[in-house]
Amino acid sequence: TLDEAINDDDFVVINEPVGVKLVIDAMSESYLKNAEIDFVDNVEGAHFVIRNPNAKTTCGCGSSFSIEE
């Protein structure tokens, strides 16, 4: 989700040179390790796409996945 608040235990990544901040909560950080997160705005709509090399299964839209621990 889009959120304005950054908590003390959040992980913050700043995309340079654009300066966009990506804030990941502490619980989600381990699931997104080594993942590529992109924001796409096209005829299908605007959404985040997650490309995660650790994902075992993904949905067709690219915004959700599952991993085996």
N, C-alpha and C. Protein backbone atom coordinates (compact mmCIF):
# COMPACT_ATOMS: atom_id res chain seq x y z
N THR A 1 0.84 -1.18 0.00
CA THR A 1 0.00 0.00 0.00
C THR A 1 0.88 1.24 0.00
N LEU A 2 0.31 2.34 -0.36
CA LEU A 2 1.01 3.62 -0.27
C LEU A 2 0.77 4.18 1.11
N ASP A 3 1.81 4.62 1.76
CA ASP A 3 1.70 5.11 3.14
C ASP A 3 2.62 6.30 3.32
N GLU A 4 2.21 7.24 4.11
CA GLU A 4 3.01 8.43 4.39
C GLU A 4 3.94 8.23 5.59
N ALA A 5 3.59 7.33 6.50
CA ALA A 5 4.35 7.15 7.74
C ALA A 5 5.50 6.17 7.55
N ILE A 6 6.63 6.47 8.17
CA ILE A 6 7.78 5.57 8.20
C ILE A 6 8.04 5.23 9.66
N ASN A 7 7.95 3.94 9.98
CA ASN A 7 8.17 3.48 11.34
C ASN A 7 9.65 3.25 11.61
N ASP A 8 10.03 3.22 12.87
CA ASP A 8 11.43 3.06 13.25
C ASP A 8 12.05 1.77 12.74
N ASP A 9 11.26 0.68 12.62
CA ASP A 9 11.82 -0.59 12.18
C ASP A 9 11.63 -0.85 10.68
N ASP A 10 11.18 0.14 9.94
CA ASP A 10 11.03 0.01 8.49
C ASP A 10 12.38 0.11 7.80
N PHE A 11 12.49 -0.55 6.66
CA PHE A 11 13.68 -0.51 5.82
C PHE A 11 13.37 0.44 4.67
N VAL A 12 14.22 1.46 4.45
CA VAL A 12 13.97 2.48 3.43
C VAL A 12 15.02 2.38 2.33
N VAL A 13 14.55 2.30 1.08
CA VAL A 13 15.42 2.31 -0.09
C VAL A 13 15.06 3.54 -0.90
N ILE A 14 16.06 4.34 -1.27
CA ILE A 14 15.82 5.53 -2.08
C ILE A 14 16.35 5.28 -3.48
N ASN A 15 15.46 5.39 -4.47
CA ASN A 15 15.82 5.20 -5.86
C ASN A 15 16.45 6.47 -6.39
N GLU A 16 17.70 6.41 -6.74
CA GLU A 16 18.39 7.56 -7.32
C GLU A 16 18.43 7.38 -8.82
N PRO A 17 18.36 8.37 -9.63
CA PRO A 17 18.33 9.80 -9.33
C PRO A 17 16.92 10.34 -9.13
N VAL A 18 15.90 9.50 -9.25
CA VAL A 18 14.52 9.98 -9.15
C VAL A 18 14.18 10.44 -7.73
N GLY A 19 14.72 9.75 -6.72
CA GLY A 19 14.48 10.13 -5.34
C GLY A 19 13.23 9.52 -4.73
N VAL A 20 12.69 8.49 -5.36
CA VAL A 20 11.50 7.82 -4.83
C VAL A 20 11.91 6.94 -3.66
N LYS A 21 11.15 7.03 -2.55
CA LYS A 21 11.42 6.20 -1.38
C LYS A 21 10.53 4.97 -1.40
N LEU A 22 11.15 3.81 -1.23
CA LEU A 22 10.43 2.56 -1.06
C LEU A 22 10.60 2.16 0.39
N VAL A 23 9.49 2.02 1.11
CA VAL A 23 9.52 1.69 2.53
C VAL A 23 8.98 0.27 2.70
N ILE A 24 9.78 -0.58 3.32
CA ILE A 24 9.41 -1.98 3.53
C ILE A 24 9.34 -2.25 5.02
N ASP A 25 8.22 -2.80 5.47
CA ASP A 25 8.09 -3.09 6.90
C ASP A 25 9.01 -4.26 7.27
N ALA A 26 9.33 -4.35 8.55
CA ALA A 26 10.30 -5.34 9.03
C ALA A 26 9.89 -6.77 8.69
N MET A 27 8.60 -7.10 8.77
CA MET A 27 8.15 -8.46 8.48
C MET A 27 8.32 -8.81 7.00
N SER A 28 8.10 -7.87 6.11
CA SER A 28 8.16 -8.13 4.67
C SER A 28 9.58 -8.12 4.12
N GLU A 29 10.52 -7.53 4.85
CA GLU A 29 11.88 -7.39 4.34
C GLU A 29 12.49 -8.73 3.93
N SER A 30 12.33 -9.76 4.74
CA SER A 30 12.95 -11.06 4.42
C SER A 30 12.33 -11.68 3.17
N TYR A 31 11.05 -11.42 2.90
CA TYR A 31 10.38 -11.97 1.72
C TYR A 31 10.80 -11.27 0.43
N LEU A 32 11.28 -10.03 0.56
CA LEU A 32 11.64 -9.25 -0.62
C LEU A 32 13.14 -9.18 -0.88
N LYS A 33 13.93 -9.95 -0.14
CA LYS A 33 15.38 -9.94 -0.31
C LYS A 33 15.73 -10.32 -1.75
N ASN A 34 16.55 -9.50 -2.38
CA ASN A 34 17.01 -9.68 -3.77
C ASN A 34 15.90 -9.47 -4.81
N ALA A 35 14.75 -8.96 -4.42
CA ALA A 35 13.65 -8.74 -5.36
C ALA A 35 13.82 -7.42 -6.09
N GLU A 36 13.25 -7.35 -7.26
CA GLU A 36 13.20 -6.11 -8.04
C GLU A 36 11.76 -5.63 -8.00
N ILE A 37 11.55 -4.40 -7.56
CA ILE A 37 10.21 -3.83 -7.45
C ILE A 37 10.12 -2.66 -8.42
N ASP A 38 9.09 -2.69 -9.26
CA ASP A 38 8.92 -1.66 -10.27
C ASP A 38 7.49 -1.13 -10.20
N PHE A 39 7.30 0.12 -10.56
CA PHE A 39 5.96 0.71 -10.66
C PHE A 39 5.66 0.89 -12.13
N VAL A 40 4.57 0.29 -12.59
CA VAL A 40 4.20 0.31 -14.00
C VAL A 40 2.90 1.10 -14.16
N ASP A 41 2.87 1.99 -15.11
CA ASP A 41 1.66 2.77 -15.43
C ASP A 41 1.43 2.64 -16.92
N ASN A 42 0.50 1.76 -17.31
CA ASN A 42 0.24 1.53 -18.73
C ASN A 42 -1.25 1.35 -18.95
N VAL A 43 -1.66 0.86 -20.13
CA VAL A 43 -3.08 0.72 -20.46
C VAL A 43 -3.80 -0.25 -19.52
N GLU A 44 -3.08 -1.14 -18.87
CA GLU A 44 -3.68 -2.07 -17.91
C GLU A 44 -3.90 -1.42 -16.55
N GLY A 45 -3.34 -0.24 -16.33
CA GLY A 45 -3.48 0.47 -15.07
C GLY A 45 -2.12 0.69 -14.42
N ALA A 46 -2.15 1.36 -13.29
CA ALA A 46 -0.92 1.65 -12.54
C ALA A 46 -0.82 0.66 -11.39
N HIS A 47 0.34 0.00 -11.26
CA HIS A 47 0.51 -1.00 -10.22
C HIS A 47 1.99 -1.31 -10.01
N PHE A 48 2.28 -1.93 -8.88
CA PHE A 48 3.63 -2.39 -8.60
C PHE A 48 3.80 -3.79 -9.15
N VAL A 49 4.99 -4.07 -9.68
CA VAL A 49 5.35 -5.40 -10.17
C VAL A 49 6.57 -5.85 -9.37
N ILE A 50 6.49 -7.05 -8.81
CA ILE A 50 7.58 -7.60 -8.02
C ILE A 50 8.17 -8.78 -8.76
N ARG A 51 9.47 -8.71 -9.05
CA ARG A 51 10.19 -9.83 -9.64
C ARG A 51 11.11 -10.37 -8.56
N ASN A 52 10.75 -11.52 -8.03
CA ASN A 52 11.45 -12.07 -6.88
C ASN A 52 12.10 -13.40 -7.25
N PRO A 53 13.43 -13.47 -7.24
CA PRO A 53 14.10 -14.72 -7.58
C PRO A 53 13.85 -15.83 -6.56
N ASN A 54 13.36 -15.49 -5.37
CA ASN A 54 13.08 -16.48 -4.34
C ASN A 54 11.66 -17.04 -4.43
N ALA A 55 10.83 -16.48 -5.30
CA ALA A 55 9.42 -16.89 -5.40
C ALA A 55 9.31 -18.29 -6.01
N LYS A 56 8.48 -19.10 -5.39
CA LYS A 56 8.21 -20.44 -5.92
C LYS A 56 6.98 -20.43 -6.81
N THR A 57 6.00 -19.58 -6.49
CA THR A 57 4.81 -19.39 -7.32
C THR A 57 4.49 -17.91 -7.37
N THR A 58 3.88 -17.46 -8.47
CA THR A 58 3.49 -16.06 -8.62
C THR A 58 2.10 -15.99 -9.22
N CYS A 59 1.46 -14.84 -9.06
CA CYS A 59 0.17 -14.61 -9.72
C CYS A 59 0.43 -14.04 -11.11
N GLY A 60 -0.58 -13.99 -11.92
CA GLY A 60 -0.43 -13.48 -13.27
C GLY A 60 -0.11 -12.00 -13.34
N CYS A 61 -0.53 -11.23 -12.36
CA CYS A 61 -0.31 -9.78 -12.41
C CYS A 61 1.09 -9.38 -11.94
N GLY A 62 1.81 -10.27 -11.27
CA GLY A 62 3.16 -9.97 -10.82
C GLY A 62 3.25 -9.20 -9.53
N SER A 63 2.15 -9.06 -8.80
CA SER A 63 2.22 -8.28 -7.56
C SER A 63 2.10 -9.15 -6.30
N SER A 64 1.93 -10.46 -6.46
CA SER A 64 1.95 -11.32 -5.28
C SER A 64 2.71 -12.61 -5.62
N PHE A 65 3.23 -13.25 -4.58
CA PHE A 65 4.04 -14.44 -4.77
C PHE A 65 4.06 -15.22 -3.47
N SER A 66 4.56 -16.45 -3.54
CA SER A 66 4.76 -17.23 -2.32
C SER A 66 6.17 -17.82 -2.37
N ILE A 67 6.75 -18.01 -1.21
CA ILE A 67 8.06 -18.63 -1.11
C ILE A 67 7.97 -19.78 -0.13
N GLU A 68 8.84 -20.76 -0.30
CA GLU A 68 8.92 -21.87 0.64
C GLU A 68 10.06 -21.61 1.59
N GLU A 69 9.80 -21.84 2.86
CA GLU A 69 10.86 -21.60 3.85
C GLU A 69 11.48 -22.90 4.27
